[in-house]
PDB file of N, CA and C in Angstrom:
ATOM      1  N   UNK A   1     -10.941  -4.220   0.801  1.00  0.00           N
ATOM      2  CA  UNK A   1     -10.112  -5.061   1.295  1.00  0.00           C
ATOM      3  C   UNK A   1      -9.987  -5.902   1.947  1.00  0.00           C
ATOM      4  N   UNK A   2     -11.038  -6.210   2.790  1.00  0.00           N
ATOM      5  CA  UNK A   2     -11.610  -7.126   3.858  1.00  0.00           C
ATOM      6  C   UNK A   2     -12.172  -8.337   3.080  1.00  0.00           C
ATOM      7  N   UNK A   3     -13.194  -7.481   2.148  1.00  0.00           N
ATOM      8  CA  UNK A   3     -13.660  -9.001   1.442  1.00  0.00           C
ATOM      9  C   UNK A   3     -12.876  -9.451   0.181  1.00  0.00           C
ATOM     10  N   UNK A   4     -11.792  -9.007  -0.242  1.00  0.00           N
ATOM     11  CA  UNK A   4     -10.445  -9.543  -0.690  1.00  0.00           C
ATOM     12  C   UNK A   4      -9.801 -10.852   0.332  1.00  0.00           C
ATOM     13  N   UNK A   5      -9.273 -10.060   1.330  1.00  0.00           N
ATOM     14  CA  UNK A   5      -8.844 -10.833   2.179  1.00  0.00           C
ATOM     15  C   UNK A   5      -9.606 -12.574   2.232  1.00  0.00           C
ATOM     16  N   UNK A   6     -10.987 -12.054   3.037  1.00  0.00           N
ATOM     17  CA  UNK A   6     -12.085 -13.014   3.003  1.00  0.00           C
ATOM     18  C   UNK A   6     -11.838 -13.888   2.296  1.00  0.00           C
ATOM     19  N   UNK A   7     -11.325 -13.682   0.707  1.00  0.00           N
ATOM     20  CA  UNK A   7     -12.049 -14.610  -0.466  1.00  0.00           C
ATOM     21  C   UNK A   7     -10.721 -15.117  -0.899  1.00  0.00           C
ATOM     22  N   UNK A   8      -9.140 -15.025   0.263  1.00  0.00           N
ATOM     23  CA  UNK A   8      -8.217 -15.721  -0.120  1.00  0.00           C
ATOM     24  C   UNK A   8      -8.614 -16.949   0.387  1.00  0.00           C
ATOM     25  N   UNK A   9      -7.848 -18.203  -0.168  1.00  0.00           N
ATOM     26  CA  UNK A   9      -8.048 -19.602   1.023  1.00  0.00           C
ATOM     27  C   UNK A   9      -7.726 -19.236   2.157  1.00  0.00           C
ATOM     28  N   UNK A  10      -8.649 -20.112   3.430  1.00  0.00           N
ATOM     29  CA  UNK A  10      -8.459 -19.321   5.033  1.00  0.00           C
ATOM     30  C   UNK A  10      -7.018 -19.622   5.485  1.00  0.00           C
ATOM     31  N   UNK A  11      -6.144 -20.727   4.678  1.00  0.00           N
ATOM     32  CA  UNK A  11      -4.845 -20.553   5.304  1.00  0.00           C
ATOM     33  C   UNK A  11      -4.267 -19.640   4.881  1.00  0.00           C
ATOM     34  N   UNK A  12      -4.173 -18.978   3.911  1.00  0.00           N
ATOM     35  CA  UNK A  12      -3.561 -17.509   3.194  1.00  0.00           C
ATOM     36  C   UNK A  12      -4.001 -16.390   3.930  1.00  0.00           C
ATOM     37  N   UNK A  13      -5.368 -16.291   3.900  1.00  0.00           N
ATOM     38  CA  UNK A  13      -6.188 -15.544   4.803  1.00  0.00           C
ATOM     39  C   UNK A  13      -5.529 -14.940   6.120  1.00  0.00           C
ATOM     40  N   UNK A  14      -5.329 -16.469   6.936  1.00  0.00           N
ATOM     41  CA  UNK A  14      -4.886 -16.598   8.100  1.00  0.00           C
ATOM     42  C   UNK A  14      -3.277 -15.489   8.468  1.00  0.00           C
ATOM     43  N   UNK A  15      -2.899 -16.069   7.423  1.00  0.00           N
ATOM     44  CA  UNK A  15      -1.197 -15.836   7.304  1.00  0.00           C
ATOM     45  C   UNK A  15      -1.520 -14.253   7.373  1.00  0.00           C
ATOM     46  N   UNK A  16      -2.335 -13.842   6.066  1.00  0.00           N
ATOM     47  CA  UNK A  16      -1.520 -12.391   5.841  1.00  0.00           C
ATOM     48  C   UNK A  16      -2.667 -11.814   7.011  1.00  0.00           C
ATOM     49  N   UNK A  17      -3.997 -11.696   7.700  1.00  0.00           N
ATOM     50  CA  UNK A  17      -4.131 -11.439   8.675  1.00  0.00           C
ATOM     51  C   UNK A  17      -3.175 -11.065  10.081  1.00  0.00           C
ATOM     52  N   UNK A  18      -2.519 -12.355  10.341  1.00  0.00           N
ATOM     53  CA  UNK A  18      -1.332 -12.442  11.267  1.00  0.00           C
ATOM     54  C   UNK A  18      -0.148 -11.360  10.775  1.00  0.00           C
ATOM     55  N   UNK A  19       0.432 -11.166   9.828  1.00  0.00           N
ATOM     56  CA  UNK A  19       0.758  -9.957   9.235  1.00  0.00           C
ATOM     57  C   UNK A  19       0.754  -9.089   9.438  1.00  0.00           C
ATOM     58  N   UNK A  20      -0.530  -8.772   9.141  1.00  0.00           N
ATOM     59  CA  UNK A  20      -1.061  -6.757   9.071  1.00  0.00           C
ATOM     60  C   UNK A  20      -1.185  -7.006  10.461  1.00  0.00           C
ATOM     61  N   UNK A  21      -1.514  -7.638  11.241  1.00  0.00           N
ATOM     62  CA  UNK A  21      -1.606  -7.407  12.993  1.00  0.00           C
ATOM     63  C   UNK A  21      -0.153  -7.332  13.590  1.00  0.00           C
ATOM     64  N   UNK A  22       1.043  -8.123  13.032  1.00  0.00           N
ATOM     65  CA  UNK A  22       2.708  -7.727  13.487  1.00  0.00           C
ATOM     66  C   UNK A  22       3.066  -6.493  12.921  1.00  0.00           C
ATOM     67  N   UNK A  23       2.866  -5.990  11.490  1.00  0.00           N
ATOM     68  CA  UNK A  23       3.178  -4.983  11.081  1.00  0.00           C
ATOM     69  C   UNK A  23       2.909  -3.710  11.738  1.00  0.00           C
ATOM     70  N   UNK A  24       1.559  -3.725  12.346  1.00  0.00           N
ATOM     71  CA  UNK A  24       1.043  -2.079  13.021  1.00  0.00           C
ATOM     72  C   UNK A  24       2.017  -2.026  13.844  1.00  0.00           C
ATOM     73  N   UNK A  25       2.760  -2.301  14.485  1.00  0.00           N
ATOM     74  CA  UNK A  25       3.584  -1.906  15.409  1.00  0.00           C
ATOM     75  C   UNK A  25       4.997  -1.832  15.295  1.00  0.00           C
ATOM     76  N   UNK A  26       5.581  -2.610  14.186  1.00  0.00           N
ATOM     77  CA  UNK A  26       6.636  -2.950  13.895  1.00  0.00           C
ATOM     78  C   UNK A  26       7.409  -1.646  12.948  1.00  0.00           C
ATOM     79  N   UNK A  27       9.089  -1.564  13.726  1.00  0.00           N
ATOM     80  CA  UNK A  27       9.450  -0.534  13.504  1.00  0.00           C
ATOM     81  C   UNK A  27       9.586  -0.989  11.317  1.00  0.00           C
ATOM     82  N   UNK A  28       9.838  -0.048  10.675  1.00  0.00           N
ATOM     83  CA  UNK A  28       9.761   0.167   9.412  1.00  0.00           C
ATOM     84  C   UNK A  28      11.161   0.004   8.733  1.00  0.00           C
ATOM     85  N   UNK A  29      11.594  -0.186   7.770  1.00  0.00           N
ATOM     86  CA  UNK A  29      10.407  -0.995   6.715  1.00  0.00           C
ATOM     87  C   UNK A  29       9.977  -2.140   6.960  1.00  0.00           C
ATOM     88  N   UNK A  30       9.071  -2.375   6.518  1.00  0.00           N
ATOM     89  CA  UNK A  30       7.976  -3.586   6.806  1.00  0.00           C
ATOM     90  C   UNK A  30       8.049  -4.400   5.317  1.00  0.00           C
ATOM     91  N   UNK A  31       8.597  -5.641   5.021  1.00  0.00           N
ATOM     92  CA  UNK A  31       7.442  -6.288   4.181  1.00  0.00           C
ATOM     93  C   UNK A  31       5.917  -5.985   3.822  1.00  0.00           C
ATOM     94  N   UNK A  32       5.659  -5.636   3.131  1.00  0.00           N
ATOM     95  CA  UNK A  32       3.934  -5.795   2.866  1.00  0.00           C
ATOM     96  C   UNK A  32       3.428  -7.406   3.167  1.00  0.00           C
ATOM     97  N   UNK A  33       2.552  -7.243   3.890  1.00  0.00           N
ATOM     98  CA  UNK A  33       1.906  -8.414   4.677  1.00  0.00           C
ATOM     99  C   UNK A  33       0.722  -8.923   3.442  1.00  0.00           C
ATOM    100  N   UNK A  34       0.649  -8.141   2.483  1.00  0.00           N
ATOM    101  CA  UNK A  34      -0.402  -8.721   1.476  1.00  0.00           C
ATOM    102  C   UNK A  34       0.767  -9.369   0.101  1.00  0.00           C
ATOM    103  N   UNK A  35       2.072  -9.468   0.285  1.00  0.00           N
ATOM    104  CA  UNK A  35       2.774  -9.885  -0.585  1.00  0.00           C
ATOM    105  C   UNK A  35       3.111 -11.392  -0.384  1.00  0.00           C
ATOM    106  N   UNK A  36       2.690 -12.320  -1.809  1.00  0.00           N
ATOM    107  CA  UNK A  36       3.249 -13.200  -1.783  1.00  0.00           C
ATOM    108  C   UNK A  36       4.601 -13.694  -1.940  1.00  0.00           C
ATOM    109  N   UNK A  37       5.189 -13.912  -0.969  1.00  0.00           N
ATOM    110  CA  UNK A  37       6.652 -14.048  -0.762  1.00  0.00           C
ATOM    111  C   UNK A  37       7.549 -14.530  -2.060  1.00  0.00           C
ATOM    112  N   UNK A  38       7.037 -15.861  -2.118  1.00  0.00           N
ATOM    113  CA  UNK A  38       7.513 -16.616  -3.492  1.00  0.00           C
ATOM    114  C   UNK A  38       7.530 -15.906  -4.652  1.00  0.00           C
ATOM    115  N   UNK A  39       6.459 -15.544  -5.195  1.00  0.00           N
ATOM    116  CA  UNK A  39       6.055 -15.217  -6.281  1.00  0.00           C
ATOM    117  C   UNK A  39       6.482 -13.294  -6.427  1.00  0.00           C
ATOM    118  N   UNK A  40       6.440 -13.069  -5.450  1.00  0.00           N
ATOM    119  CA  UNK A  40       6.517 -11.293  -5.517  1.00  0.00           C
ATOM    120  C   UNK A  40       5.223 -10.755  -6.134  1.00  0.00           C
ATOM    121  N   UNK A  41       4.102 -11.284  -5.863  1.00  0.00           N
ATOM    122  CA  UNK A  41       2.880 -10.867  -6.239  1.00  0.00           C
ATOM    123  C   UNK A  41       1.533 -10.641  -5.442  1.00  0.00           C
ATOM    124  N   UNK A  42       0.949  -9.410  -5.429  1.00  0.00           N
ATOM    125  CA  UNK A  42      -0.041  -8.623  -4.513  1.00  0.00           C
ATOM    126  C   UNK A  42      -1.148 -10.085  -4.858  1.00  0.00           C
ATOM    127  N   UNK A  43      -1.244 -10.414  -3.198  1.00  0.00           N
ATOM    128  CA  UNK A  43      -2.732 -11.601  -3.178  1.00  0.00           C
ATOM    129  C   UNK A  43      -4.005 -10.827  -3.320  1.00  0.00           C
ATOM    130  N   UNK A  44      -3.966  -9.339  -2.993  1.00  0.00           N
ATOM    131  CA  UNK A  44      -5.317  -8.589  -3.144  1.00  0.00           C
ATOM    132  C   UNK A  44      -5.292  -7.525  -4.107  1.00  0.00           C
ATOM    133  N   UNK A  45      -4.549  -7.843  -5.461  1.00  0.00           N
ATOM    134  CA  UNK A  45      -4.250  -6.992  -6.191  1.00  0.00           C
ATOM    135  C   UNK A  45      -5.273  -6.349  -6.630  1.00  0.00           C
ATOM    136  N   UNK A  46      -6.641  -6.423  -6.868  1.00  0.00           N
ATOM    137  CA  UNK A  46      -7.511  -5.661  -7.411  1.00  0.00           C
ATOM    138  C   UNK A  46      -8.322  -5.063  -6.308  1.00  0.00           C
ATOM    139  N   UNK A  47      -7.769  -5.080  -5.015  1.00  0.00           N
ATOM    140  CA  UNK A  47      -8.529  -4.564  -3.989  1.00  0.00           C
ATOM    141  C   UNK A  47      -7.221  -3.370  -3.255  1.00  0.00           C
ATOM    142  N   UNK A  48      -6.039  -3.934  -3.847  1.00  0.00           N
ATOM    143  CA  UNK A  48      -4.617  -3.300  -3.110  1.00  0.00           C
ATOM    144  C   UNK A  48      -5.059  -1.977  -2.751  1.00  0.00           C
ATOM    145  N   UNK A  49      -4.342  -1.680  -1.744  1.00  0.00           N
ATOM    146  CA  UNK A  49      -4.011  -0.394  -0.983  1.00  0.00           C
ATOM    147  C   UNK A  49      -3.813   0.931  -2.012  1.00  0.00           C
ATOM    148  N   UNK A  50      -4.470   2.140  -1.806  1.00  0.00           N
ATOM    149  CA  UNK A  50      -4.045   3.295  -2.748  1.00  0.00           C
ATOM    150  C   UNK A  50      -2.526   3.333  -2.864  1.00  0.00           C
ATOM    151  N   UNK A  51      -1.715   3.178  -1.441  1.00  0.00           N
ATOM    152  CA  UNK A  51      -0.227   3.534  -1.665  1.00  0.00           C
ATOM    153  C   UNK A  51       0.404   2.597  -2.708  1.00  0.00           C
ATOM    154  N   UNK A  52      -0.395   1.357  -3.059  1.00  0.00           N
ATOM    155  CA  UNK A  52       0.502   0.545  -3.905  1.00  0.00           C
ATOM    156  C   UNK A  52      -0.115   1.043  -5.175  1.00  0.00           C
ATOM    157  N   UNK A  53      -1.514   1.738  -5.265  1.00  0.00           N
ATOM    158  CA  UNK A  53      -2.245   1.911  -6.854  1.00  0.00           C
ATOM    159  C   UNK A  53      -1.332   3.040  -7.323  1.00  0.00           C
ATOM    160  N   UNK A  54      -0.553   3.842  -6.305  1.00  0.00           N
ATOM    161  CA  UNK A  54       0.127   4.866  -6.571  1.00  0.00           C
ATOM    162  C   UNK A  54       1.783   4.712  -6.579  1.00  0.00           C
ATOM    163  N   UNK A  55       2.499   3.935  -5.992  1.00  0.00           N
ATOM    164  CA  UNK A  55       3.547   3.508  -5.659  1.00  0.00           C
ATOM    165  C   UNK A  55       4.813   4.409  -7.030  1.00  0.00           C
ATOM    166  N   UNK A  56       5.170   5.142  -6.178  1.00  0.00           N
ATOM    167  CA  UNK A  56       6.432   5.649  -7.351  1.00  0.00           C
ATOM    168  C   UNK A  56       6.074   7.085  -7.396  1.00  0.00           C
ATOM    169  N   UNK A  57       4.690   7.565  -7.567  1.00  0.00           N
ATOM    170  CA  UNK A  57       4.562   8.700  -8.147  1.00  0.00           C
ATOM    171  C   UNK A  57       3.105   9.150  -7.383  1.00  0.00           C
ATOM    172  N   UNK A  58       3.776   9.074  -6.036  1.00  0.00           N
ATOM    173  CA  UNK A  58       2.773   9.662  -5.057  1.00  0.00           C
ATOM    174  C   UNK A  58       3.685  10.746  -3.995  1.00  0.00           C
ATOM    175  N   UNK A  59       3.028  12.024  -3.706  1.00  0.00           N
ATOM    176  CA  UNK A  59       3.731  12.841  -2.924  1.00  0.00           C
ATOM    177  C   UNK A  59       2.246  13.135  -1.823  1.00  0.00           C
ATOM    178  N   UNK A  60       3.055  13.875  -0.804  1.00  0.00           N
ATOM    179  CA  UNK A  60       2.074  14.481  -0.092  1.00  0.00           C
ATOM    180  C   UNK A  60       2.845  15.685   0.254  1.00  0.00           C
ATOM    181  N   UNK A  61       2.202  16.943  -0.233  1.00  0.00           N
ATOM    182  CA  UNK A  61       3.175  18.160  -0.126  1.00  0.00           C
ATOM    183  C   UNK A  61       4.474  17.922  -0.779  1.00  0.00           C
ATOM    184  N   UNK A  62       5.055  18.184   0.358  1.00  0.00           N
ATOM    185  CA  UNK A  62       6.719  18.527  -0.133  1.00  0.00           C
ATOM    186  C   UNK A  62       7.226  17.171   0.498  1.00  0.00           C
ATOM    187  N   UNK A  63       6.624  15.530   0.667  1.00  0.00           N
ATOM    188  CA  UNK A  63       6.999  14.489   0.908  1.00  0.00           C
ATOM    189  C   UNK A  63       7.043  13.558   0.073  1.00  0.00           C
ATOM    190  N   UNK A  64       8.096  12.876  -0.716  1.00  0.00           N
ATOM    191  CA  UNK A  64       7.617  11.723  -1.372  1.00  0.00           C
ATOM    192  C   UNK A  64       7.611  10.445  -0.853  1.00  0.00           C
ATOM    193  N   UNK A  65       6.133   9.857  -1.209  1.00  0.00           N
ATOM    194  CA  UNK A  65       6.005   8.610  -0.469  1.00  0.00           C
ATOM    195  C   UNK A  65       6.278   7.732  -1.666  1.00  0.00           C
ATOM    196  N   UNK A  66       7.567   7.221  -1.345  1.00  0.00           N
ATOM    197  CA  UNK A  66       7.858   5.664  -2.597  1.00  0.00           C
ATOM    198  C   UNK A  66       9.531   5.507  -1.942  1.00  0.00           C
ATOM    199  N   UNK A  67      10.090   4.834  -2.745  1.00  0.00           N
ATOM    200  CA  UNK A  67      11.509   3.980  -2.365  1.00  0.00           C
ATOM    201  C   UNK A  67      12.410   5.116  -2.262  1.00  0.00           C
ATOM    202  N   UNK A  68      13.681   5.154  -1.907  1.00  0.00           N
ATOM    203  CA  UNK A  68      14.905   6.100  -1.888  1.00  0.00           C
ATOM    204  C   UNK A  68      15.116   6.473  -3.821  1.00  0.00           C
ATOM    205  N   UNK A  69      15.206   5.416  -4.352  1.00  0.00           N
ATOM    206  CA  UNK A  69      15.100   5.689  -5.768  1.00  0.00           C
ATOM    207  C   UNK A  69      14.061   6.456  -6.444  1.00  0.00           C
ATOM    208  N   UNK A  70      12.985   6.767  -6.060  1.00  0.00           N
ATOM    209  CA  UNK A  70      12.155   7.273  -6.841  1.00  0.00           C
ATOM    210  C   UNK A  70      12.289   8.895  -5.713  1.00  0.00           C
ATOM    211  N   UNK A  71      12.821   8.719  -4.766  1.00  0.00           N
ATOM    212  CA  UNK A  71      12.844  10.087  -3.694  1.00  0.00           C
ATOM    213  C   UNK A  71      13.959  10.744  -4.493  1.00  0.00           C
ATOM    214  N   UNK A  72      14.917  10.405  -4.965  1.00  0.00           N
ATOM    215  CA  UNK A  72      16.201  10.838  -5.602  1.00  0.00           C
ATOM    216  C   UNK A  72      15.654  11.323  -7.102  1.00  0.00           C
ATOM    217  N   UNK A  73      14.589  10.765  -7.753  1.00  0.00           N
ATOM    218  CA  UNK A  73      14.158  11.320  -8.799  1.00  0.00           C
ATOM    219  C   UNK A  73      13.795  12.795  -9.066  1.00  0.00           C
ATOM    220  N   UNK A  74      12.763  12.508  -7.607  1.00  0.00           N
ATOM    221  CA  UNK A  74      11.954  13.500  -7.637  1.00  0.00           C
ATOM    222  C   UNK A  74      13.093  14.979  -6.986  1.00  0.00           C
ATOM    223  N   UNK A  75      14.204  14.863  -6.369  1.00  0.00           N
ATOM    224  CA  UNK A  75      14.612  15.754  -5.825  1.00  0.00           C
ATOM    225  C   UNK A  75      15.632  16.338  -7.324  1.00  0.00           C
ATOM    226  N   UNK A  76      15.971  15.187  -8.183  1.00  0.00           N
ATOM    227  CA  UNK A  76      16.646  15.877  -9.690  1.00  0.00           C
ATOM    228  C   UNK A  76      15.636  16.437 -10.780  1.00  0.00           C
ATOM    229  N   UNK A  77      14.647  16.306 -10.661  1.00  0.00           N
ATOM    230  CA  UNK A  77      13.640  16.056 -11.492  1.00  0.00           C
ATOM    231  C   UNK A  77      12.046  17.162 -11.681  1.00  0.00           C
ATOM    232  N   UNK A  78      12.219  18.293 -12.006  1.00  0.00           N
ATOM    233  CA  UNK A  78      11.365  19.034 -11.507  1.00  0.00           C
ATOM    234  C   UNK A  78       9.867  19.021 -12.692  1.00  0.00           C
ATOM    235  N   UNK A  79      10.503  18.145 -13.638  1.00  0.00           N
ATOM    236  CA  UNK A  79       9.090  17.932 -14.510  1.00  0.00           C
ATOM    237  C   UNK A  79       8.299  16.914 -14.525  1.00  0.00           C
ATOM    238  N   UNK A  80       8.441  15.885 -13.612  1.00  0.00           N
ATOM    239  CA  UNK A  80       7.851  14.984 -13.478  1.00  0.00           C
ATOM    240  C   UNK A  80       6.309  15.557 -12.590  1.00  0.00           C
ATOM    241  N   UNK A  81       5.176  14.463 -13.284  1.00  0.00           N
ATOM    242  CA  UNK A  81       3.882  15.271 -13.075  1.00  0.00           C
ATOM    243  C   UNK A  81       3.644  14.052 -11.595  1.00  0.00           C
ATOM    244  N   UNK A  82       3.329  14.333 -10.735  1.00  0.00           N
ATOM    245  CA  UNK A  82       2.968  13.675  -9.370  1.00  0.00           C
ATOM    246  C   UNK A  82       1.296  13.744  -9.060  1.00  0.00           C
ATOM    247  N   UNK A  83       0.809  12.650  -8.802  1.00  0.00           N
ATOM    248  CA  UNK A  83      -0.297  12.225  -8.291  1.00  0.00           C
ATOM    249  C   UNK A  83      -0.117  12.726  -6.852  1.00  0.00           C
ATOM    250  N   UNK A  84      -1.516  13.377  -6.525  1.00  0.00           N
ATOM    251  CA  UNK A  84      -2.095  13.450  -5.052  1.00  0.00           C
ATOM    252  C   UNK A  84      -3.235  12.775  -5.073  1.00  0.00           C
ATOM    253  N   UNK A  85      -4.016  12.872  -3.842  1.00  0.00           N
ATOM    254  CA  UNK A  85      -5.237  12.445  -3.480  1.00  0.00           C
ATOM    255  C   UNK A  85      -6.244  12.765  -4.262  1.00  0.00           C
ATOM    256  N   UNK A  86      -6.160  14.173  -4.471  1.00  0.00           N
ATOM    257  CA  UNK A  86      -7.143  15.103  -5.240  1.00  0.00           C
ATOM    258  C   UNK A  86      -7.107  14.915  -6.492  1.00  0.00           C
ATOM    259  N   UNK A  87      -6.107  14.472  -7.475  1.00  0.00           N
ATOM    260  CA  UNK A  87      -5.960  14.366  -8.878  1.00  0.00           C
ATOM    261  C   UNK A  87      -6.174  12.912  -8.810  1.00  0.00           C
ATOM    262  N   UNK A  88      -6.054  11.885  -8.010  1.00  0.00           N
ATOM    263  CA  UNK A  88      -6.731  10.699  -8.485  1.00  0.00           C
ATOM    264  C   UNK A  88      -7.789  10.134  -8.104  1.00  0.00           C
ATOM    265  N   UNK A  89      -8.608  11.182  -7.538  1.00  0.00           N
ATOM    266  CA  UNK A  89      -9.978  11.308  -7.486  1.00  0.00           C
ATOM    267  C   UNK A  89     -10.567  10.331  -6.214  1.00  0.00           C
ATOM    268  N   UNK A  90      -9.110  10.308  -5.351  1.00  0.00           N
ATOM    269  CA  UNK A  90      -9.445   9.045  -4.341  1.00  0.00           C
ATOM    270  C   UNK A  90     -11.067   9.478  -3.110  1.00  0.00           C
ATOM    271  N   UNK A  91     -11.236  11.019  -3.559  1.00  0.00           N
ATOM    272  CA  UNK A  91     -12.253  11.050  -2.352  1.00  0.00           C
ATOM    273  C   UNK A  91     -13.738   9.837  -2.499  1.00  0.00           C
ATOM    274  N   UNK A  92     -13.970   9.596  -3.637  1.00  0.00           N
ATOM    275  CA  UNK A  92     -15.271   8.835  -3.645  1.00  0.00           C
ATOM    276  C   UNK A  92     -14.766   7.269  -3.106  1.00  0.00           C
ATOM    277  N   UNK A  93     -13.433   6.698  -2.934  1.00  0.00           N
ATOM    278  CA  UNK A  93     -13.334   5.933  -2.112  1.00  0.00           C
ATOM    279  C   UNK A  93     -13.793   5.583  -0.877  1.00  0.00           C
ATOM    280  N   UNK A  94     -14.196   6.790  -0.367  1.00  0.00           N
ATOM    281  CA  UNK A  94     -14.386   6.654   1.143  1.00  0.00           C
ATOM    282  C   UNK A  94     -13.390   6.984   2.045  1.00  0.00           C
ATOM    283  N   UNK A  95     -13.552   7.373   3.191  1.00  0.00           N
ATOM    284  CA  UNK A  95     -12.296   7.901   4.408  1.00  0.00           C
ATOM    285  C   UNK A  95     -11.293   6.551   4.465  1.00  0.00           C
ATOM    286  N   UNK A  96      -9.873   6.950   4.812  1.00  0.00           N
ATOM    287  CA  UNK A  96      -9.074   5.905   4.541  1.00  0.00           C
ATOM    288  C   UNK A  96      -8.691   5.684   5.830  1.00  0.00           C
ATOM    289  N   UNK A  97      -8.181   4.478   6.196  1.00  0.00           N
ATOM    290  CA  UNK A  97      -8.308   3.530   7.079  1.00  0.00           C
ATOM    291  C   UNK A  97      -6.615   3.111   7.544  1.00  0.00           C
ATOM    292  N   UNK A  98      -6.306   2.618   8.378  1.00  0.00           N
ATOM    293  CA  UNK A  98      -5.116   1.764   8.518  1.00  0.00           C
ATOM    294  C   UNK A  98      -4.925   0.978   8.185  1.00  0.00           C
ATOM    295  N   UNK A  99      -4.005  -0.173   7.367  1.00  0.00           N
ATOM    296  CA  UNK A  99      -3.890  -1.573   6.991  1.00  0.00           C
ATOM    297  C   UNK A  99      -4.127  -2.206   8.356  1.00  0.00           C
ATOM    298  N   UNK A 100      -3.882  -2.467   9.191  1.00  0.00           N
ATOM    299  CA  UNK A 100      -4.086  -3.154  10.139  1.00  0.00           C
ATOM    300  C   UNK A 100      -5.429  -3.050  10.751  1.00  0.00           C
ATOM    301  N   UNK A 101      -6.392  -2.216  10.389  1.00  0.00           N
ATOM    302  CA  UNK A 101      -7.868  -2.584  10.948  1.00  0.00           C
ATOM    303  C   UNK A 101      -8.646  -3.455   9.933  1.00  0.00           C
ATOM    304  N   UNK A 102      -7.925  -4.259   8.971  1.00  0.00           N
ATOM    305  CA  UNK A 102      -8.071  -4.921   8.079  1.00  0.00           C
ATOM    306  C   UNK A 102      -7.929  -6.602   8.634  1.00  0.00           C
ATOM    307  N   UNK A 103      -7.574  -6.549   9.643  1.00  0.00           N
ATOM    308  CA  UNK A 103      -6.871  -8.031  10.288  1.00  0.00           C
ATOM    309  C   UNK A 103      -7.818  -8.366  10.991  1.00  0.00           C
ATOM    310  N   UNK A 104      -8.850  -7.792  11.373  1.00  0.00           N
ATOM    311  CA  UNK A 104      -9.935  -8.563  11.835  1.00  0.00           C
ATOM    312  C   UNK A 104     -10.862  -9.475  11.461  1.00  0.00           C
TER     313      UNK A 104
END
């Protein structure tokens, strides 16, 4: 992800890094610092975090990691196939790191 942020135009990369640093201690919810607000597109789509790649379909044991709409669907529908890090094969990507570590 750091390489993808480095590849952005310098002024955009600086804004992204600032947003990442600011979001590290902010109360939730936070607008994604990698989001281009005018277009609604991810600025680093090909290097986007795992949470984004699996948004709406990811759970950790008993908790659904997604928006309220997805959580409501999960509570009602028991036949939904949910992913998890093992099912997605994420071990090959290396260790996890908080997003703010990519702001330096």
